[in-house]
Amino acid sequence: MFGMAIEATRVFTQHSDLFDADTAGLWRQHKKNTLLPNLHISRTANQSMAINRIRSGAIIIAGSGMCTGGRIKHHLKHNIWRRECKLVITGFQAKGTLGRALLDGVQHIKLWGESIRVAAAVYTIGGLSAHADQTALKNWYSNFEGRPPVVLVHGEERAIAGLSNCLRQQLSAPVHAARPGEILDLSNPGISIIGGNEIT
């Protein structure tokens, strides 16, 4: 089975007739079956391992957004200790993940029981997340008839508190920030929280 990014790329290239005008223009310019003519996709484990023998002149694009599993961990093992390498993280990194630790400037990481020194420079590019921001979530919620209850289950505490306050104050939404281990009964129009507080 191929990775999600590889499959998504395949689907996009098969349906180029659905591209917007800008993307369609880029597609025609290249006159190839790819938007990145020098992109080499590694479909097998052996192809992926061969990447780790490249000493310079390559950009490795690897999935697993928070560096918690998959091929990215192997690429980190073979490159994060090299000063000439750069790591660019493009998505949100939750607390407790390897990606977040790297962004926070950790000096060593542990992969498969081995401690590895972090010598590569680590950068981040914001704005590439696939997740909606507060404004988009508020707009989405405002399309519901009435004000159905909202349970926030994913995100950092500060972001959850901000969205919760926004929905309550601007839309009078009944909002509950779920806690780890909490059990919710979603079978009725409201939400019953077992072992927690009722939605206010």
Foldseek 3Di string as FASTA:
>chain_A
DFDPVVVVQVVCLVPVVPDDPVVVVCCVVVVDSHSDVPDDDDGDPVSLVVVLVDDDDDDDDDDDLQCADDSSLVNCVSPQQDLVAEAEREEDHDPPTPNVCVVVPDQWDADPNDIGGGNYHYHYDYDPYPDDALVVVLVVQVPDPDAQAEEAEDDDPVRLVVSVCCCCVVPVHQYHYDDPPWDWDPPDRAIDIPPDDGTD
